[in-house]
Amino acid sequence: MGEVLSQAEIDALLNALSDGSVDEETIKMSSPHKIKVYDFKRPNKFSKGQLNSLLNIHENFCRSLATFLAGNMHTAVDAKVLSTEQVTYDEFIRSLPYPTILGIFSMPPLEGNGLLELSPSLAFILVDRLLGGHGAEPAKNRDLTEIERKIIVSRLGKIVQLMGEAWAEIFEGNPQLVNVETNSQFTQIVASNEMVVVVTMEVKIEEQSGMINVCLPYIVMKPILEKLNNLLLFSSGGKVISSAERELIRQKIEWAKVPMKAIIGKAQITIQDLINLERGDVIPLNQGIKDPLSVYVGEYIKFKGMPGLFGNKMAVQITEVIKKGGNEDG
């Protein structure tokens, strides 16, 4: 037990502080005990283990999110978790820009709502790409138009469902998008001083990037905190892919665009012959007119076919499917 000061010693210490003969730093350095700061206005309600479990859950969510967005926009997408921290709800709301995109979602059977904030930069990149652009951002932040809002609401609904799949190892729920707001002052889902955990993720679309923040209030998470303590998530390498996940991946791959070409033949000529070519000259190819053409998918030969016409367009009729290794280059 530490030494207790007498009243005379306390008075002497206060007098020394008053006349400047002793400063606070000297007292701190001379104290044998390490002082730990604790803010009673914002007590930590999530343990380190629970935060780590939330990190693992949202890493799984990021993988599903990247697959979904890549299939939507037919381009490379990467998503990763940057941080998980607990703050008061007021601190989280004050950190958001205006306007922003805030999706309010429910997590039945849990009571209450959570928030999913889509940064304006990411929202406009998504909208521009989905409308055929290259992912350009507006010169300055602005509200969504009616068409843009409809597109974003549709995607937010699917993203919230993906979040439910990531939480499936903790509880069987069915998260649903309740509403979408652009002003954080209209999203008072809990009291201002209530503790929340904020999971910050970065989504990179080719060379552009934006942020997603997920806000989960303590009072909503309280019934499943014990499950978070006991959670043991395996790495993606050891995780068994469910039939539903396999079907989702298959559907996304089916919509991927790949180049396809048919080679009618090849020829080698000298530079002199190339310079002297005139209209009407014939270049003999290394393939007979009755020989099947090699049809390439990407860099690999996958089919054989015969040339012809389909209406007024040139076409190739597939006559053989090449099933052996993809390194076959014909």
C-alpha atoms as a PDB file:
ATOM      1  CA  MET A   1       0.000   0.000   0.000  1.00  0.00           C
ATOM      2  CA  GLY A   2       1.319   3.453  -0.905  1.00  0.00           C
ATOM      3  CA  GLU A   3       2.432   5.980   1.709  1.00  0.00           C
ATOM      4  CA  VAL A   4      -0.350   8.298   2.955  1.00  0.00           C
ATOM      5  CA  LEU A   5       0.577  12.003   3.392  1.00  0.00           C
ATOM      6  CA  SER A   6      -0.312  13.806   6.587  1.00  0.00           C
ATOM      7  CA  GLN A   7      -2.319  17.020   6.498  1.00  0.00           C
ATOM      8  CA  ALA A   8       0.850  19.042   7.276  1.00  0.00           C
ATOM      9  CA  GLU A   9       2.663  17.437   4.337  1.00  0.00           C
ATOM     10  CA  ILE A  10      -0.276  18.146   2.036  1.00  0.00           C
ATOM     11  CA  ASP A  11      -0.330  21.817   3.136  1.00  0.00           C
ATOM     12  CA  ALA A  12       3.435  22.126   2.596  1.00  0.00           C
ATOM     13  CA  LEU A  13       3.113  20.649  -0.888  1.00  0.00           C
ATOM     14  CA  LEU A  14       0.288  23.056  -1.820  1.00  0.00           C
ATOM     15  CA  ASN A  15       2.291  26.016  -0.561  1.00  0.00           C
ATOM     16  CA  ALA A  16       5.318  24.911  -2.594  1.00  0.00           C
ATOM     17  CA  LEU A  17       3.151  24.759  -5.727  1.00  0.00           C
ATOM     18  CA  SER A  18       1.708  28.201  -4.996  1.00  0.00           C
ATOM     19  CA  ASP A  19       5.051  30.005  -4.582  1.00  0.00           C
ATOM     20  CA  GLY A  20       6.631  28.199  -7.563  1.00  0.00           C
ATOM     21  CA  SER A  21       9.410  26.410  -5.688  1.00  0.00           C
ATOM     22  CA  VAL A  22       8.037  23.054  -6.950  1.00  0.00           C
ATOM     23  CA  ASP A  23       6.320  22.492 -10.330  1.00  0.00           C
ATOM     24  CA  GLU A  24       3.946  19.742 -11.476  1.00  0.00           C
ATOM     25  CA  GLU A  25       6.514  18.046 -13.725  1.00  0.00           C
ATOM     26  CA  THR A  26       8.866  17.586 -10.761  1.00  0.00           C
ATOM     27  CA  ILE A  27       6.104  15.908  -8.779  1.00  0.00           C
ATOM     28  CA  LYS A  28       5.261  13.597 -11.717  1.00  0.00           C
ATOM     29  CA  MET A  29       8.901  12.583 -12.168  1.00  0.00           C
ATOM     30  CA  SER A  30       9.387  11.940  -8.455  1.00  0.00           C
ATOM     31  CA  SER A  31       6.252   9.804  -8.163  1.00  0.00           C
ATOM     32  CA  PRO A  32       7.111   6.051  -8.045  1.00  0.00           C
ATOM     33  CA  HIS A  33       3.686   5.123  -9.474  1.00  0.00           C
ATOM     34  CA  LYS A  34       2.785   5.167 -13.172  1.00  0.00           C
ATOM     35  CA  ILE A  35      -0.409   7.139 -13.685  1.00  0.00           C
ATOM     36  CA  LYS A  36      -2.875   5.891 -16.299  1.00  0.00           C
ATOM     37  CA  VAL A  37      -5.260   8.469 -17.723  1.00  0.00           C
ATOM     38  CA  TYR A  38      -8.932   7.445 -17.744  1.00  0.00           C
ATOM     39  CA  ASP A  39     -11.677   9.628 -19.194  1.00  0.00           C
ATOM     40  CA  PHE A  40     -14.925   8.999 -17.319  1.00  0.00           C
ATOM     41  CA  LYS A  41     -16.878  10.891 -20.019  1.00  0.00           C
ATOM     42  CA  ARG A  42     -15.971   8.266 -22.655  1.00  0.00           C
ATOM     43  CA  PRO A  43     -15.257   4.912 -20.981  1.00  0.00           C
ATOM     44  CA  ASN A  44     -13.928   2.106 -23.161  1.00  0.00           C
ATOM     45  CA  LYS A  45     -16.719  -0.449 -23.538  1.00  0.00           C
ATOM     46  CA  PHE A  46     -15.204  -2.648 -26.254  1.00  0.00           C
ATOM     47  CA  SER A  47     -12.271  -4.826 -25.237  1.00  0.00           C
ATOM     48  CA  LYS A  48      -9.184  -5.289 -27.388  1.00  0.00           C
ATOM     49  CA  GLY A  49     -10.282  -8.837 -28.213  1.00  0.00           C
ATOM     50  CA  GLN A  50     -13.690  -7.633 -29.371  1.00  0.00           C
ATOM     51  CA  LEU A  51     -12.098  -4.976 -31.584  1.00  0.00           C
ATOM     52  CA  ASN A  52      -9.844  -7.634 -33.128  1.00  0.00           C
ATOM     53  CA  SER A  53     -12.879  -9.813 -33.832  1.00  0.00           C
ATOM     54  CA  LEU A  54     -14.624  -6.880 -35.502  1.00  0.00           C
ATOM     55  CA  LEU A  55     -11.477  -6.318 -37.565  1.00  0.00           C
ATOM     56  CA  ASN A  56     -11.551  -9.944 -38.775  1.00  0.00           C
ATOM     57  CA  ILE A  57     -15.262  -9.797 -39.579  1.00  0.00           C
ATOM     58  CA  HIS A  58     -14.844  -6.683 -41.693  1.00  0.00           C
ATOM     59  CA  GLU A  59     -11.793  -8.098 -43.466  1.00  0.00           C
ATOM     60  CA  ASN A  60     -14.127 -10.862 -44.684  1.00  0.00           C
ATOM     61  CA  PHE A  61     -16.653  -8.184 -45.601  1.00  0.00           C
ATOM     62  CA  CYS A  62     -13.987  -6.352 -47.635  1.00  0.00           C
ATOM     63  CA  ARG A  63     -13.332  -9.450 -49.729  1.00  0.00           C
ATOM     64  CA  SER A  64     -17.025  -9.810 -50.569  1.00  0.00           C
ATOM     65  CA  LEU A  65     -17.311  -6.072 -51.226  1.00  0.00           C
ATOM     66  CA  ALA A  66     -14.373  -6.090 -53.649  1.00  0.00           C
ATOM     67  CA  THR A  67     -15.902  -9.023 -55.564  1.00  0.00           C
ATOM     68  CA  PHE A  68     -19.300  -7.302 -55.762  1.00  0.00           C
ATOM     69  CA  LEU A  69     -17.946  -3.940 -56.950  1.00  0.00           C
ATOM     70  CA  ALA A  70     -15.558  -5.556 -59.444  1.00  0.00           C
ATOM     71  CA  GLY A  71     -18.476  -7.426 -61.004  1.00  0.00           C
ATOM     72  CA  ASN A  72     -20.574  -4.243 -61.120  1.00  0.00           C
ATOM     73  CA  MET A  73     -17.938  -2.066 -62.764  1.00  0.00           C
ATOM     74  CA  HIS A  74     -15.914  -4.690 -64.668  1.00  0.00           C
ATOM     75  CA  THR A  75     -12.624  -3.407 -63.288  1.00  0.00           C
ATOM     76  CA  ALA A  76     -10.106  -4.194 -60.568  1.00  0.00           C
ATOM     77  CA  VAL A  77     -11.272  -3.300 -57.043  1.00  0.00           C
ATOM     78  CA  ASP A  78      -9.413  -3.695 -53.755  1.00  0.00           C
ATOM     79  CA  ALA A  79     -10.844  -3.140 -50.265  1.00  0.00           C
ATOM     80  CA  LYS A  80      -9.099  -3.304 -46.901  1.00  0.00           C
ATOM     81  CA  VAL A  81      -9.690  -2.378 -43.254  1.00  0.00           C
ATOM     82  CA  LEU A  82      -7.641   0.588 -42.056  1.00  0.00           C
ATOM     83  CA  SER A  83      -8.685   0.823 -38.409  1.00  0.00           C
ATOM     84  CA  THR A  84     -11.211  -0.055 -35.712  1.00  0.00           C
ATOM     85  CA  GLU A  85     -11.639   2.418 -32.858  1.00  0.00           C
ATOM     86  CA  GLN A  86     -14.189   3.329 -30.233  1.00  0.00           C
ATOM     87  CA  VAL A  87     -15.364   6.916 -29.914  1.00  0.00           C
ATOM     88  CA  THR A  88     -18.494   8.700 -28.797  1.00  0.00           C
ATOM     89  CA  TYR A  89     -21.279   8.995 -31.338  1.00  0.00           C
ATOM     90  CA  ASP A  90     -20.938  12.775 -31.280  1.00  0.00           C
ATOM     91  CA  GLU A  91     -17.232  12.562 -32.198  1.00  0.00           C
ATOM     92  CA  PHE A  92     -18.038  10.282 -35.133  1.00  0.00           C
ATOM     93  CA  ILE A  93     -20.810  12.530 -36.453  1.00  0.00           C
ATOM     94  CA  ARG A  94     -18.643  15.671 -36.149  1.00  0.00           C
ATOM     95  CA  SER A  95     -15.883  14.010 -38.195  1.00  0.00           C
ATOM     96  CA  LEU A  96     -18.145  13.540 -41.241  1.00  0.00           C
ATOM     97  CA  PRO A  97     -18.241  16.018 -44.141  1.00  0.00           C
ATOM     98  CA  TYR A  98     -21.380  17.658 -45.460  1.00  0.00           C
ATOM     99  CA  PRO A  99     -22.900  16.422 -47.602  1.00  0.00           C
ATOM    100  CA  THR A 100     -22.010  12.746 -47.319  1.00  0.00           C
ATOM    101  CA  ILE A 101     -23.862   9.484 -47.940  1.00  0.00           C
ATOM    102  CA  LEU A 102     -25.143   7.840 -44.755  1.00  0.00           C
ATOM    103  CA  GLY A 103     -26.976   4.534 -44.938  1.00  0.00           C
ATOM    104  CA  ILE A 104     -28.992   3.716 -41.817  1.00  0.00           C
ATOM    105  CA  PHE A 105     -29.392  -0.050 -41.459  1.00  0.00           C
ATOM    106  CA  SER A 106     -31.035  -2.425 -39.031  1.00  0.00           C
ATOM    107  CA  MET A 107     -29.522  -5.724 -37.847  1.00  0.00           C
ATOM    108  CA  PRO A 108     -32.403  -7.927 -36.679  1.00  0.00           C
ATOM    109  CA  PRO A 109     -32.704  -9.692 -34.303  1.00  0.00           C
ATOM    110  CA  LEU A 110     -30.517  -7.006 -32.674  1.00  0.00           C
ATOM    111  CA  GLU A 111     -32.407  -3.908 -31.578  1.00  0.00           C
ATOM    112  CA  GLY A 112     -31.395  -0.498 -32.905  1.00  0.00           C
ATOM    113  CA  ASN A 113     -29.605   0.710 -36.018  1.00  0.00           C
ATOM    114  CA  GLY A 114     -26.087   1.124 -37.336  1.00  0.00           C
ATOM    115  CA  LEU A 115     -24.604   3.537 -39.879  1.00  0.00           C
ATOM    116  CA  LEU A 116     -22.666   2.941 -43.071  1.00  0.00           C
ATOM    117  CA  GLU A 117     -20.985   6.091 -44.376  1.00  0.00           C
ATOM    118  CA  LEU A 118     -19.909   6.172 -48.015  1.00  0.00           C
ATOM    119  CA  SER A 119     -17.462   9.011 -48.661  1.00  0.00           C
ATOM    120  CA  PRO A 120     -18.638  11.441 -51.385  1.00  0.00           C
ATOM    121  CA  SER A 121     -15.488  10.804 -53.439  1.00  0.00           C
ATOM    122  CA  LEU A 122     -16.186   7.052 -53.561  1.00  0.00           C
ATOM    123  CA  ALA A 123     -19.891   7.596 -54.267  1.00  0.00           C
ATOM    124  CA  PHE A 124     -19.222   9.801 -57.303  1.00  0.00           C
ATOM    125  CA  ILE A 125     -16.547   7.406 -58.598  1.00  0.00           C
ATOM    126  CA  LEU A 126     -19.104   4.569 -58.456  1.00  0.00           C
ATOM    127  CA  VAL A 127     -21.828   6.615 -60.140  1.00  0.00           C
ATOM    128  CA  ASP A 128     -19.562   7.870 -62.910  1.00  0.00           C
ATOM    129  CA  ARG A 129     -18.273   4.392 -63.718  1.00  0.00           C
ATOM    130  CA  LEU A 130     -21.725   2.795 -63.623  1.00  0.00           C
ATOM    131  CA  LEU A 131     -22.944   5.456 -66.085  1.00  0.00           C
ATOM    132  CA  GLY A 132     -20.108   4.700 -68.518  1.00  0.00           C
ATOM    133  CA  GLY A 133     -17.462   7.196 -67.381  1.00  0.00           C
ATOM    134  CA  HIS A 134     -13.917   6.716 -66.144  1.00  0.00           C
ATOM    135  CA  GLY A 135     -14.650   7.442 -62.477  1.00  0.00           C
ATOM    136  CA  ALA A 136     -14.313  11.234 -62.429  1.00  0.00           C
ATOM    137  CA  GLU A 137     -15.003  13.159 -59.205  1.00  0.00           C
ATOM    138  CA  PRO A 138     -16.862  16.495 -59.159  1.00  0.00           C
ATOM    139  CA  ALA A 139     -14.834  19.682 -58.726  1.00  0.00           C
ATOM    140  CA  LYS A 140     -16.431  20.206 -55.300  1.00  0.00           C
ATOM    141  CA  ASN A 141     -18.597  18.196 -52.932  1.00  0.00           C
ATOM    142  CA  ARG A 142     -22.319  18.434 -53.651  1.00  0.00           C
ATOM    143  CA  ASP A 143     -25.651  16.693 -53.036  1.00  0.00           C
ATOM    144  CA  LEU A 144     -26.710  13.741 -55.161  1.00  0.00           C
ATOM    145  CA  THR A 145     -29.157  14.205 -58.014  1.00  0.00           C
ATOM    146  CA  GLU A 146     -32.274  12.008 -58.075  1.00  0.00           C
ATOM    147  CA  ILE A 147     -30.705   9.614 -60.602  1.00  0.00           C
ATOM    148  CA  GLU A 148     -27.441   9.436 -58.628  1.00  0.00           C
ATOM    149  CA  ARG A 149     -29.348   8.850 -55.395  1.00  0.00           C
ATOM    150  CA  LYS A 150     -31.296   5.960 -56.927  1.00  0.00           C
ATOM    151  CA  ILE A 151     -28.062   4.313 -58.110  1.00  0.00           C
ATOM    152  CA  ILE A 152     -26.331   4.734 -54.739  1.00  0.00           C
ATOM    153  CA  VAL A 153     -29.335   3.515 -52.709  1.00  0.00           C
ATOM    154  CA  SER A 154     -29.475   0.364 -54.843  1.00  0.00           C
ATOM    155  CA  ARG A 155     -25.758  -0.354 -54.233  1.00  0.00           C
ATOM    156  CA  LEU A 156     -25.946   0.482 -50.529  1.00  0.00           C
ATOM    157  CA  GLY A 157     -28.747  -2.052 -50.108  1.00  0.00           C
ATOM    158  CA  LYS A 158     -26.558  -4.784 -51.585  1.00  0.00           C
ATOM    159  CA  ILE A 159     -23.525  -3.709 -49.526  1.00  0.00           C
ATOM    160  CA  VAL A 160     -25.583  -3.964 -46.320  1.00  0.00           C
ATOM    161  CA  GLN A 161     -26.613  -7.503 -47.321  1.00  0.00           C
ATOM    162  CA  LEU A 162     -22.947  -8.416 -47.832  1.00  0.00           C
ATOM    163  CA  MET A 163     -22.307  -7.180 -44.311  1.00  0.00           C
ATOM    164  CA  GLY A 164     -24.879  -9.679 -43.058  1.00  0.00           C
ATOM    165  CA  GLU A 165     -22.961 -12.491 -44.783  1.00  0.00           C
ATOM    166  CA  ALA A 166     -19.758 -11.399 -43.027  1.00  0.00           C
ATOM    167  CA  TRP A 167     -21.565 -11.485 -39.655  1.00  0.00           C
ATOM    168  CA  ALA A 168     -23.012 -14.966 -40.270  1.00  0.00           C
ATOM    169  CA  GLU A 169     -20.382 -16.613 -38.044  1.00  0.00           C
ATOM    170  CA  ILE A 170     -21.586 -14.543 -35.071  1.00  0.00           C
ATOM    171  CA  PHE A 171     -25.360 -14.536 -35.493  1.00  0.00           C
ATOM    172  CA  GLU A 172     -27.949 -15.292 -38.128  1.00  0.00           C
ATOM    173  CA  GLY A 173     -29.355 -11.910 -39.070  1.00  0.00           C
ATOM    174  CA  ASN A 174     -30.756 -10.144 -42.071  1.00  0.00           C
ATOM    175  CA  PRO A 175     -29.451  -6.549 -42.174  1.00  0.00           C
ATOM    176  CA  GLN A 176     -31.684  -4.202 -44.118  1.00  0.00           C
ATOM    177  CA  LEU A 177     -31.137  -0.665 -45.397  1.00  0.00           C
ATOM    178  CA  VAL A 178     -33.657   1.552 -43.578  1.00  0.00           C
ATOM    179  CA  ASN A 179     -32.933   5.008 -44.989  1.00  0.00           C
ATOM    180  CA  VAL A 180     -30.283   7.117 -46.716  1.00  0.00           C
ATOM    181  CA  GLU A 181     -29.366  10.637 -45.565  1.00  0.00           C
ATOM    182  CA  THR A 182     -26.803  13.191 -46.696  1.00  0.00           C
ATOM    183  CA  ASN A 183     -26.854  15.326 -43.527  1.00  0.00           C
ATOM    184  CA  SER A 184     -25.331  13.686 -40.442  1.00  0.00           C
ATOM    185  CA  GLN A 185     -27.439  15.914 -38.154  1.00  0.00           C
ATOM    186  CA  PHE A 186     -30.525  13.935 -39.218  1.00  0.00           C
ATOM    187  CA  THR A 187     -29.109  10.558 -38.182  1.00  0.00           C
ATOM    188  CA  GLN A 188     -29.343  10.566 -34.389  1.00  0.00           C
ATOM    189  CA  ILE A 189     -29.495   6.787 -33.925  1.00  0.00           C
ATOM    190  CA  VAL A 190     -28.148   6.912 -30.314  1.00  0.00           C
ATOM    191  CA  ALA A 191     -27.373   9.530 -27.669  1.00  0.00           C
ATOM    192  CA  SER A 192     -24.438  11.846 -28.406  1.00  0.00           C
ATOM    193  CA  ASN A 193     -22.335  10.511 -25.508  1.00  0.00           C
ATOM    194  CA  GLU A 194     -22.999   6.840 -26.343  1.00  0.00           C
ATOM    195  CA  MET A 195     -19.911   4.818 -27.239  1.00  0.00           C
ATOM    196  CA  VAL A 196     -19.666   3.363 -30.741  1.00  0.00           C
ATOM    197  CA  VAL A 197     -17.053   1.381 -32.629  1.00  0.00           C
ATOM    198  CA  VAL A 198     -16.078   2.804 -36.024  1.00  0.00           C
ATOM    199  CA  VAL A 199     -14.566   0.489 -38.642  1.00  0.00           C
ATOM    200  CA  THR A 200     -12.782   2.459 -41.377  1.00  0.00           C
ATOM    201  CA  MET A 201     -12.177   0.793 -44.750  1.00  0.00           C
ATOM    202  CA  GLU A 202     -10.479   1.944 -47.926  1.00  0.00           C
ATOM    203  CA  VAL A 203     -11.856   0.977 -51.342  1.00  0.00           C
ATOM    204  CA  LYS A 204      -9.460   1.346 -54.273  1.00  0.00           C
ATOM    205  CA  ILE A 205     -10.835   1.310 -57.827  1.00  0.00           C
ATOM    206  CA  GLU A 206      -7.862   1.161 -60.190  1.00  0.00           C
ATOM    207  CA  GLU A 207      -5.895   4.324 -59.279  1.00  0.00           C
ATOM    208  CA  GLN A 208      -8.731   6.052 -57.378  1.00  0.00           C
ATOM    209  CA  SER A 209      -9.864   5.437 -53.833  1.00  0.00           C
ATOM    210  CA  GLY A 210     -12.493   6.376 -51.281  1.00  0.00           C
ATOM    211  CA  MET A 211     -13.528   5.491 -47.735  1.00  0.00           C
ATOM    212  CA  ILE A 212     -16.314   3.523 -46.072  1.00  0.00           C
ATOM    213  CA  ASN A 213     -17.028   3.900 -42.343  1.00  0.00           C
ATOM    214  CA  VAL A 214     -19.248   1.492 -40.428  1.00  0.00           C
ATOM    215  CA  CYS A 215     -20.579   2.782 -37.077  1.00  0.00           C
ATOM    216  CA  LEU A 216     -21.825   0.156 -34.610  1.00  0.00           C
ATOM    217  CA  PRO A 217     -23.274   1.455 -31.299  1.00  0.00           C
ATOM    218  CA  TYR A 218     -22.416  -0.355 -28.077  1.00  0.00           C
ATOM    219  CA  ILE A 219     -26.068  -0.728 -27.088  1.00  0.00           C
ATOM    220  CA  VAL A 220     -26.760  -2.536 -30.379  1.00  0.00           C
ATOM    221  CA  MET A 221     -23.726  -4.827 -30.102  1.00  0.00           C
ATOM    222  CA  LYS A 222     -24.138  -5.587 -26.380  1.00  0.00           C
ATOM    223  CA  PRO A 223     -26.153  -8.860 -26.789  1.00  0.00           C
ATOM    224  CA  ILE A 224     -23.402 -10.439 -28.951  1.00  0.00           C
ATOM    225  CA  LEU A 225     -20.249  -9.077 -27.284  1.00  0.00           C
ATOM    226  CA  GLU A 226     -19.648 -12.408 -25.546  1.00  0.00           C
ATOM    227  CA  LYS A 227     -19.672 -14.143 -28.932  1.00  0.00           C
ATOM    228  CA  LEU A 228     -17.103 -11.626 -30.172  1.00  0.00           C
ATOM    229  CA  ASN A 229     -14.870 -12.596 -27.250  1.00  0.00           C
ATOM    230  CA  ASN A 230     -15.020 -16.258 -28.225  1.00  0.00           C
ATOM    231  CA  LEU A 231     -14.770 -15.716 -31.961  1.00  0.00           C
ATOM    232  CA  LEU A 232     -12.057 -17.652 -33.784  1.00  0.00           C
ATOM    233  CA  LEU A 233     -11.890 -16.754 -37.458  1.00  0.00           C
ATOM    234  CA  PHE A 234      -9.684 -18.788 -39.739  1.00  0.00           C
ATOM    235  CA  SER A 235      -7.643 -17.302 -42.543  1.00  0.00           C
ATOM    236  CA  SER A 236      -9.116 -17.167 -46.007  1.00  0.00           C
ATOM    237  CA  GLY A 237      -6.832 -20.017 -47.081  1.00  0.00           C
ATOM    238  CA  GLY A 238      -8.437 -22.410 -44.613  1.00  0.00           C
ATOM    239  CA  LYS A 239     -11.991 -21.163 -44.950  1.00  0.00           C
ATOM    240  CA  VAL A 240     -14.441 -23.436 -46.760  1.00  0.00           C
ATOM    241  CA  ILE A 241     -16.343 -21.559 -49.454  1.00  0.00           C
ATOM    242  CA  SER A 242     -20.083 -22.103 -49.217  1.00  0.00           C
ATOM    243  CA  SER A 243     -22.197 -23.014 -52.247  1.00  0.00           C
ATOM    244  CA  ALA A 244     -23.832 -19.572 -52.152  1.00  0.00           C
ATOM    245  CA  GLU A 245     -20.427 -17.831 -52.228  1.00  0.00           C
ATOM    246  CA  ARG A 246     -19.282 -20.118 -55.051  1.00  0.00           C
ATOM    247  CA  GLU A 247     -22.407 -19.282 -57.066  1.00  0.00           C
ATOM    248  CA  LEU A 248     -21.882 -15.548 -56.488  1.00  0.00           C
ATOM    249  CA  ILE A 249     -18.281 -15.774 -57.711  1.00  0.00           C
ATOM    250  CA  ARG A 250     -19.391 -17.769 -60.764  1.00  0.00           C
ATOM    251  CA  GLN A 251     -22.017 -15.146 -61.659  1.00  0.00           C
ATOM    252  CA  LYS A 252     -19.491 -12.326 -61.379  1.00  0.00           C
ATOM    253  CA  ILE A 253     -16.963 -14.181 -63.550  1.00  0.00           C
ATOM    254  CA  GLU A 254     -19.612 -14.826 -66.211  1.00  0.00           C
ATOM    255  CA  TRP A 255     -20.094 -11.070 -66.656  1.00  0.00           C
ATOM    256  CA  ALA A 256     -16.361 -10.378 -67.033  1.00  0.00           C
ATOM    257  CA  LYS A 257     -15.401  -9.159 -70.523  1.00  0.00           C
ATOM    258  CA  VAL A 258     -12.554 -10.898 -72.365  1.00  0.00           C
ATOM    259  CA  PRO A 259     -11.254 -10.263 -75.919  1.00  0.00           C
ATOM    260  CA  MET A 260     -12.006 -12.906 -78.555  1.00  0.00           C
ATOM    261  CA  LYS A 261     -10.467 -13.146 -82.035  1.00  0.00           C
ATOM    262  CA  ALA A 262     -10.286 -15.565 -84.969  1.00  0.00           C
ATOM    263  CA  ILE A 263      -7.026 -15.847 -86.951  1.00  0.00           C
ATOM    264  CA  ILE A 264      -7.630 -16.473 -90.673  1.00  0.00           C
ATOM    265  CA  GLY A 265      -3.943 -17.063 -91.328  1.00  0.00           C
ATOM    266  CA  LYS A 266      -0.466 -15.565 -91.201  1.00  0.00           C
ATOM    267  CA  ALA A 267       2.123 -14.469 -93.761  1.00  0.00           C
ATOM    268  CA  GLN A 268       5.657 -13.111 -93.797  1.00  0.00           C
ATOM    269  CA  ILE A 269       6.801 -10.640 -96.438  1.00  0.00           C
ATOM    270  CA  THR A 270       9.848  -8.438 -96.885  1.00  0.00           C
ATOM    271  CA  ILE A 271       9.833  -4.715 -96.263  1.00  0.00           C
ATOM    272  CA  GLN A 272      10.469  -4.240-100.012  1.00  0.00           C
ATOM    273  CA  ASP A 273       7.320  -6.224-100.879  1.00  0.00           C
ATOM    274  CA  LEU A 274       5.331  -4.277 -98.292  1.00  0.00           C
ATOM    275  CA  ILE A 275       6.433  -0.936 -99.800  1.00  0.00           C
ATOM    276  CA  ASN A 276       5.533  -2.072-103.328  1.00  0.00           C
ATOM    277  CA  LEU A 277       2.064  -3.392-102.452  1.00  0.00           C
ATOM    278  CA  GLU A 278      -0.698  -2.049-104.711  1.00  0.00           C
ATOM    279  CA  ARG A 279      -4.419  -2.449-104.967  1.00  0.00           C
ATOM    280  CA  GLY A 280      -5.239  -5.900-106.354  1.00  0.00           C
ATOM    281  CA  ASP A 281      -2.092  -7.608-105.093  1.00  0.00           C
ATOM    282  CA  VAL A 282      -2.577 -10.935-103.281  1.00  0.00           C
ATOM    283  CA  ILE A 283      -0.761 -12.043-100.124  1.00  0.00           C
ATOM    284  CA  PRO A 284      -0.802 -15.859 -99.735  1.00  0.00           C
ATOM    285  CA  LEU A 285      -1.490 -17.029 -96.170  1.00  0.00           C
ATOM    286  CA  ASN A 286      -0.134 -20.122 -94.429  1.00  0.00           C
ATOM    287  CA  GLN A 287      -3.621 -21.638 -94.113  1.00  0.00           C
ATOM    288  CA  GLY A 288      -5.895 -23.304 -96.636  1.00  0.00           C
ATOM    289  CA  ILE A 289      -9.425 -22.029 -97.271  1.00  0.00           C
ATOM    290  CA  LYS A 290     -10.906 -25.297 -95.989  1.00  0.00           C
ATOM    291  CA  ASP A 291      -8.769 -25.464 -92.858  1.00  0.00           C
ATOM    292  CA  PRO A 292     -10.501 -24.516 -89.549  1.00  0.00           C
ATOM    293  CA  LEU A 293      -9.568 -21.174 -88.025  1.00  0.00           C
ATOM    294  CA  SER A 294      -7.974 -20.815 -84.591  1.00  0.00           C
ATOM    295  CA  VAL A 295     -10.249 -18.852 -82.241  1.00  0.00           C
ATOM    296  CA  TYR A 296      -8.492 -17.184 -79.289  1.00  0.00           C
ATOM    297  CA  VAL A 297      -9.957 -16.123 -75.951  1.00  0.00           C
ATOM    298  CA  GLY A 298      -7.507 -13.641 -74.528  1.00  0.00           C
ATOM    299  CA  GLU A 299      -4.069 -15.065 -75.285  1.00  0.00           C
ATOM    300  CA  TYR A 300      -5.099 -18.726 -75.505  1.00  0.00           C
ATOM    301  CA  ILE A 301      -6.643 -20.806 -78.294  1.00  0.00           C
ATOM    302  CA  LYS A 302      -9.952 -22.263 -77.089  1.00  0.00           C
ATOM    303  CA  PHE A 303     -11.943 -23.118 -80.246  1.00  0.00           C
ATOM    304  CA  LYS A 304     -11.682 -24.124 -83.887  1.00  0.00           C
ATOM    305  CA  GLY A 305     -14.169 -22.788 -86.434  1.00  0.00           C
ATOM    306  CA  MET A 306     -15.065 -22.171 -90.069  1.00  0.00           C
ATOM    307  CA  PRO A 307     -15.452 -18.649 -91.501  1.00  0.00           C
ATOM    308  CA  GLY A 308     -18.720 -17.502 -93.021  1.00  0.00           C
ATOM    309  CA  LEU A 309     -21.455 -14.847 -92.965  1.00  0.00           C
ATOM    310  CA  PHE A 310     -24.270 -14.187 -90.508  1.00  0.00           C
ATOM    311  CA  GLY A 311     -26.619 -11.793 -92.255  1.00  0.00           C
ATOM    312  CA  ASN A 312     -24.376  -9.049 -93.571  1.00  0.00           C
ATOM    313  CA  LYS A 313     -21.653  -9.627 -90.958  1.00  0.00           C
ATOM    314  CA  MET A 314     -18.586 -11.836 -90.984  1.00  0.00           C
ATOM    315  CA  ALA A 315     -18.822 -14.760 -88.564  1.00  0.00           C
ATOM    316  CA  VAL A 316     -17.121 -17.932 -87.365  1.00  0.00           C
ATOM    317  CA  GLN A 317     -18.982 -21.194 -86.798  1.00  0.00           C
ATOM    318  CA  ILE A 318     -17.476 -23.149 -83.887  1.00  0.00           C
ATOM    319  CA  THR A 319     -16.608 -26.706 -84.937  1.00  0.00           C
ATOM    320  CA  GLU A 320     -14.351 -27.815 -82.073  1.00  0.00           C
ATOM    321  CA  VAL A 321     -13.773 -26.912 -78.414  1.00  0.00           C
ATOM    322  CA  ILE A 322     -10.152 -27.070 -77.245  1.00  0.00           C
ATOM    323  CA  LYS A 323     -10.252 -28.517 -73.732  1.00  0.00           C
ATOM    324  CA  LYS A 324      -6.578 -29.051 -73.076  1.00  0.00           C
ATOM    325  CA  GLY A 325      -4.239 -26.659 -71.220  1.00  0.00           C
ATOM    326  CA  GLY A 326      -4.597 -22.893 -71.566  1.00  0.00           C
ATOM    327  CA  ASN A 327      -0.965 -22.522 -72.660  1.00  0.00           C
ATOM    328  CA  GLU A 328      -1.827 -23.865 -76.125  1.00  0.00           C
ATOM    329  CA  ASP A 329      -1.125 -20.931 -78.443  1.00  0.00           C
ATOM    330  CA  GLY A 330      -1.643 -22.540 -81.865  1.00  0.00           C
END
